Amino acid sequence: MENSKRFTQRLISIFIVIISLYACQQNEYKMPHWLLGKWKTNYDGFLITEYWYKNKTGFTAVTVWHDKKSKDYEHINLLLNKDQLTYRIKTKTKNMDFVCDDIHNDTLIFVNNDNDFPKRIIYVEPTGDEMEVWIENFPNDPNEMRFPFKKIN
């Protein structure tokens, strides 16, 4: 009887591990892997590089804005919670969260209506080695800023 109880406990433990691994794999599948790698663009006198890589909880990016005099850094964490992506950005002066509810699309629209500018950060899945990114407050915003990134690795 003791052996059968032990066997049942082990079987349940193995089943839980398999289910947990499957759930992790499904979350990994939903992440936009096309972001991974090193990207660069130029904007208004700045060379901008964005390097995306995997971490334990999702993806991380470091964005560097270079000009002749200085470098500014932004740190981004991309986290998946069920079918929602959170784009968490840290700059020198503030931290902000933007949320994307439609992760099954080739265009990711991250929204934070409480932010002055931008309220929306948009990433379009690359065609070849080019990826469109822009920031805006609303669609067709005359103040939008476009960043045509090119993959460099």
C-alpha atoms as a PDB file:
ATOM      1  CA  MET A   1       0.000   0.000   0.000  1.00  0.00           C
ATOM      2  CA  GLU A   2       2.829   2.388   0.904  1.00  0.00           C
ATOM      3  CA  ASN A   3       4.509   1.767  -2.472  1.00  0.00           C
ATOM      4  CA  SER A   4       1.319   2.504  -4.380  1.00  0.00           C
ATOM      5  CA  LYS A   5       0.863   5.774  -2.429  1.00  0.00           C
ATOM      6  CA  ARG A   6       4.446   6.793  -3.217  1.00  0.00           C
ATOM      7  CA  PHE A   7       3.966   5.883  -6.871  1.00  0.00           C
ATOM      8  CA  THR A   8       0.791   8.002  -7.058  1.00  0.00           C
ATOM      9  CA  GLN A   9       2.561  10.997  -5.446  1.00  0.00           C
ATOM     10  CA  ARG A  10       5.451  10.713  -7.918  1.00  0.00           C
ATOM     11  CA  LEU A  11       3.050  10.429 -10.826  1.00  0.00           C
ATOM     12  CA  ILE A  12       1.183  13.557  -9.691  1.00  0.00           C
ATOM     13  CA  SER A  13       4.496  15.415  -9.249  1.00  0.00           C
ATOM     14  CA  ILE A  14       5.626  14.460 -12.758  1.00  0.00           C
ATOM     15  CA  PHE A  15       2.264  15.546 -14.161  1.00  0.00           C
ATOM     16  CA  ILE A  16       2.535  18.963 -12.431  1.00  0.00           C
ATOM     17  CA  VAL A  17       6.062  19.465 -13.795  1.00  0.00           C
ATOM     18  CA  ILE A  18       4.929  18.590 -17.331  1.00  0.00           C
ATOM     19  CA  ILE A  19       1.971  20.995 -17.129  1.00  0.00           C
ATOM     20  CA  SER A  20       4.223  23.770 -15.760  1.00  0.00           C
ATOM     21  CA  LEU A  21       6.763  23.284 -18.542  1.00  0.00           C
ATOM     22  CA  TYR A  22       3.987  23.322 -21.137  1.00  0.00           C
ATOM     23  CA  ALA A  23       2.574  26.583 -19.721  1.00  0.00           C
ATOM     24  CA  CYS A  24       6.015  28.215 -19.790  1.00  0.00           C
ATOM     25  CA  GLN A  25       6.534  27.041 -23.355  1.00  0.00           C
ATOM     26  CA  GLN A  26       3.165  28.505 -24.406  1.00  0.00           C
ATOM     27  CA  ASN A  27       4.053  31.904 -22.877  1.00  0.00           C
ATOM     28  CA  GLU A  28       7.440  31.791 -24.613  1.00  0.00           C
ATOM     29  CA  TYR A  29       5.681  31.105 -27.906  1.00  0.00           C
ATOM     30  CA  LYS A  30       3.494  34.233 -27.541  1.00  0.00           C
ATOM     31  CA  MET A  31       6.449  36.592 -27.132  1.00  0.00           C
ATOM     32  CA  PRO A  32       7.384  38.654 -30.225  1.00  0.00           C
ATOM     33  CA  HIS A  33      10.709  36.905 -30.963  1.00  0.00           C
ATOM     34  CA  TRP A  34      11.173  39.121 -33.997  1.00  0.00           C
ATOM     35  CA  LEU A  35      12.258  41.914 -31.606  1.00  0.00           C
ATOM     36  CA  LEU A  36      15.340  39.987 -30.473  1.00  0.00           C
ATOM     37  CA  GLY A  37      18.695  41.256 -31.667  1.00  0.00           C
ATOM     38  CA  LYS A  38      20.420  44.569 -32.272  1.00  0.00           C
ATOM     39  CA  TRP A  39      18.707  47.368 -34.203  1.00  0.00           C
ATOM     40  CA  LYS A  40      19.849  50.850 -35.235  1.00  0.00           C
ATOM     41  CA  THR A  41      18.428  54.018 -36.759  1.00  0.00           C
ATOM     42  CA  ASN A  42      19.160  57.736 -37.004  1.00  0.00           C
ATOM     43  CA  TYR A  43      16.846  60.467 -35.791  1.00  0.00           C
ATOM     44  CA  ASP A  44      17.407  64.223 -35.574  1.00  0.00           C
ATOM     45  CA  GLY A  45      21.202  63.978 -35.195  1.00  0.00           C
ATOM     46  CA  PHE A  46      21.109  60.932 -32.919  1.00  0.00           C
ATOM     47  CA  LEU A  47      22.290  57.401 -33.643  1.00  0.00           C
ATOM     48  CA  ILE A  48      19.841  55.144 -31.805  1.00  0.00           C
ATOM     49  CA  THR A  49      20.639  51.513 -31.041  1.00  0.00           C
ATOM     50  CA  GLU A  50      18.188  49.114 -29.438  1.00  0.00           C
ATOM     51  CA  TYR A  51      19.387  45.705 -28.240  1.00  0.00           C
ATOM     52  CA  TRP A  52      16.696  43.132 -27.317  1.00  0.00           C
ATOM     53  CA  TYR A  53      17.477  39.873 -25.515  1.00  0.00           C
ATOM     54  CA  LYS A  54      15.682  37.183 -23.481  1.00  0.00           C
ATOM     55  CA  ASN A  55      15.677  37.165 -19.701  1.00  0.00           C
ATOM     56  CA  LYS A  56      13.956  34.946 -17.118  1.00  0.00           C
ATOM     57  CA  THR A  57      10.653  36.861 -17.161  1.00  0.00           C
ATOM     58  CA  GLY A  58      10.398  37.997 -20.782  1.00  0.00           C
ATOM     59  CA  PHE A  59      12.533  40.259 -22.952  1.00  0.00           C
ATOM     60  CA  THR A  60      14.799  43.166 -22.039  1.00  0.00           C
ATOM     61  CA  ALA A  61      16.106  45.969 -24.194  1.00  0.00           C
ATOM     62  CA  VAL A  62      18.627  48.730 -23.793  1.00  0.00           C
ATOM     63  CA  THR A  63      18.136  51.736 -26.039  1.00  0.00           C
ATOM     64  CA  VAL A  64      21.051  54.139 -26.434  1.00  0.00           C
ATOM     65  CA  TRP A  65      20.685  57.604 -27.956  1.00  0.00           C
ATOM     66  CA  HIS A  66      24.153  58.797 -29.142  1.00  0.00           C
ATOM     67  CA  ASP A  67      25.014  62.227 -30.403  1.00  0.00           C
ATOM     68  CA  LYS A  68      28.406  63.942 -30.639  1.00  0.00           C
ATOM     69  CA  LYS A  69      28.284  65.108 -27.015  1.00  0.00           C
ATOM     70  CA  SER A  70      26.410  62.530 -24.976  1.00  0.00           C
ATOM     71  CA  LYS A  71      24.688  59.169 -24.568  1.00  0.00           C
ATOM     72  CA  ASP A  72      21.272  58.643 -23.030  1.00  0.00           C
ATOM     73  CA  TYR A  73      19.976  55.236 -22.006  1.00  0.00           C
ATOM     74  CA  GLU A  74      16.509  53.745 -21.764  1.00  0.00           C
ATOM     75  CA  HIS A  75      15.876  50.328 -20.241  1.00  0.00           C
ATOM     76  CA  ILE A  76      12.861  48.330 -21.375  1.00  0.00           C
ATOM     77  CA  ASN A  77      11.303  45.160 -19.987  1.00  0.00           C
ATOM     78  CA  LEU A  78       8.686  43.325 -22.011  1.00  0.00           C
ATOM     79  CA  LEU A  79       6.569  41.076 -19.802  1.00  0.00           C
ATOM     80  CA  LEU A  80       3.801  38.659 -20.774  1.00  0.00           C
ATOM     81  CA  ASN A  81       0.815  38.196 -18.473  1.00  0.00           C
ATOM     82  CA  LYS A  82      -1.792  35.897 -20.044  1.00  0.00           C
ATOM     83  CA  ASP A  83      -2.559  37.565 -23.403  1.00  0.00           C
ATOM     84  CA  GLN A  84      -1.269  41.009 -22.464  1.00  0.00           C
ATOM     85  CA  LEU A  85       2.221  42.449 -22.973  1.00  0.00           C
ATOM     86  CA  THR A  86       3.555  45.137 -20.674  1.00  0.00           C
ATOM     87  CA  TYR A  87       6.259  47.417 -22.058  1.00  0.00           C
ATOM     88  CA  ARG A  88       8.008  48.821 -18.967  1.00  0.00           C
ATOM     89  CA  ILE A  89      10.425  51.639 -19.792  1.00  0.00           C
ATOM     90  CA  LYS A  90      12.906  53.321 -17.429  1.00  0.00           C
ATOM     91  CA  THR A  91      14.603  56.592 -18.301  1.00  0.00           C
ATOM     92  CA  LYS A  92      16.726  58.937 -16.199  1.00  0.00           C
ATOM     93  CA  THR A  93      13.672  60.825 -15.030  1.00  0.00           C
ATOM     94  CA  LYS A  94      10.765  58.380 -14.920  1.00  0.00           C
ATOM     95  CA  ASN A  95       9.358  54.874 -15.231  1.00  0.00           C
ATOM     96  CA  MET A  96       6.326  54.125 -17.381  1.00  0.00           C
ATOM     97  CA  ASP A  97       4.221  51.092 -18.280  1.00  0.00           C
ATOM     98  CA  PHE A  98       2.526  50.726 -21.659  1.00  0.00           C
ATOM     99  CA  VAL A  99       0.149  47.815 -22.307  1.00  0.00           C
ATOM    100  CA  CYS A 100      -0.599  45.857 -25.488  1.00  0.00           C
ATOM    101  CA  ASP A 101      -3.802  43.803 -25.464  1.00  0.00           C
ATOM    102  CA  ASP A 102      -3.496  42.392 -28.999  1.00  0.00           C
ATOM    103  CA  ILE A 103      -0.335  40.297 -29.074  1.00  0.00           C
ATOM    104  CA  HIS A 104      -1.462  38.089 -31.955  1.00  0.00           C
ATOM    105  CA  ASN A 105      -0.924  40.782 -34.542  1.00  0.00           C
ATOM    106  CA  ASP A 106       2.129  41.813 -36.564  1.00  0.00           C
ATOM    107  CA  THR A 107       1.741  45.326 -35.133  1.00  0.00           C
ATOM    108  CA  LEU A 108       2.144  45.769 -31.375  1.00  0.00           C
ATOM    109  CA  ILE A 109       0.491  48.921 -30.013  1.00  0.00           C
ATOM    110  CA  PHE A 110       1.504  49.692 -26.437  1.00  0.00           C
ATOM    111  CA  VAL A 111      -0.767  52.257 -24.753  1.00  0.00           C
ATOM    112  CA  ASN A 112      -0.511  54.476 -21.673  1.00  0.00           C
ATOM    113  CA  ASN A 113      -3.177  57.190 -21.785  1.00  0.00           C
ATOM    114  CA  ASP A 114      -1.868  58.747 -18.552  1.00  0.00           C
ATOM    115  CA  ASN A 115       1.438  59.730 -20.172  1.00  0.00           C
ATOM    116  CA  ASP A 116       1.732  63.190 -21.766  1.00  0.00           C
ATOM    117  CA  PHE A 117       3.747  62.049 -24.782  1.00  0.00           C
ATOM    118  CA  PRO A 118       3.778  59.481 -26.118  1.00  0.00           C
ATOM    119  CA  LYS A 119       0.542  57.734 -25.270  1.00  0.00           C
ATOM    120  CA  ARG A 120       1.249  55.007 -27.833  1.00  0.00           C
ATOM    121  CA  ILE A 121       4.425  53.114 -28.832  1.00  0.00           C
ATOM    122  CA  ILE A 122       4.061  51.041 -31.989  1.00  0.00           C
ATOM    123  CA  TYR A 123       6.334  48.230 -33.232  1.00  0.00           C
ATOM    124  CA  VAL A 124       5.662  46.575 -36.602  1.00  0.00           C
ATOM    125  CA  GLU A 125       7.039  43.092 -37.218  1.00  0.00           C
ATOM    126  CA  PRO A 126      10.078  43.405 -39.500  1.00  0.00           C
ATOM    127  CA  THR A 127      10.080  42.824 -43.200  1.00  0.00           C
ATOM    128  CA  GLY A 128      13.502  41.346 -43.814  1.00  0.00           C
ATOM    129  CA  ASP A 129      15.933  43.342 -41.673  1.00  0.00           C
ATOM    130  CA  GLU A 130      13.819  46.527 -41.357  1.00  0.00           C
ATOM    131  CA  MET A 131      11.398  47.313 -38.536  1.00  0.00           C
ATOM    132  CA  GLU A 132       9.114  50.340 -38.236  1.00  0.00           C
ATOM    133  CA  VAL A 133       8.703  51.874 -34.790  1.00  0.00           C
ATOM    134  CA  TRP A 134       6.957  55.104 -33.920  1.00  0.00           C
ATOM    135  CA  ILE A 135       5.552  57.022 -30.993  1.00  0.00           C
ATOM    136  CA  GLU A 136       2.412  59.140 -31.009  1.00  0.00           C
ATOM    137  CA  ASN A 137      -0.554  60.279 -28.964  1.00  0.00           C
ATOM    138  CA  PHE A 138      -3.212  59.086 -31.421  1.00  0.00           C
ATOM    139  CA  PRO A 139      -3.387  57.592 -34.925  1.00  0.00           C
ATOM    140  CA  ASN A 140      -2.134  60.011 -37.601  1.00  0.00           C
ATOM    141  CA  ASP A 141      -0.743  62.347 -34.923  1.00  0.00           C
ATOM    142  CA  PRO A 142       1.130  65.219 -36.666  1.00  0.00           C
ATOM    143  CA  ASN A 143       3.666  65.077 -33.790  1.00  0.00           C
ATOM    144  CA  GLU A 144       4.474  61.387 -34.247  1.00  0.00           C
ATOM    145  CA  MET A 145       8.130  60.406 -34.306  1.00  0.00           C
ATOM    146  CA  ARG A 146       9.116  57.559 -36.669  1.00  0.00           C
ATOM    147  CA  PHE A 147      12.146  55.323 -36.228  1.00  0.00           C
ATOM    148  CA  PRO A 148      12.908  53.053 -39.229  1.00  0.00           C
ATOM    149  CA  PHE A 149      15.212  50.516 -37.551  1.00  0.00           C
ATOM    150  CA  LYS A 150      17.575  48.211 -39.408  1.00  0.00           C
ATOM    151  CA  LYS A 151      18.844  44.946 -37.874  1.00  0.00           C
ATOM    152  CA  ILE A 152      22.622  44.948 -37.455  1.00  0.00           C
ATOM    153  CA  ASN A 153      23.403  41.400 -36.308  1.00  0.00           C
END
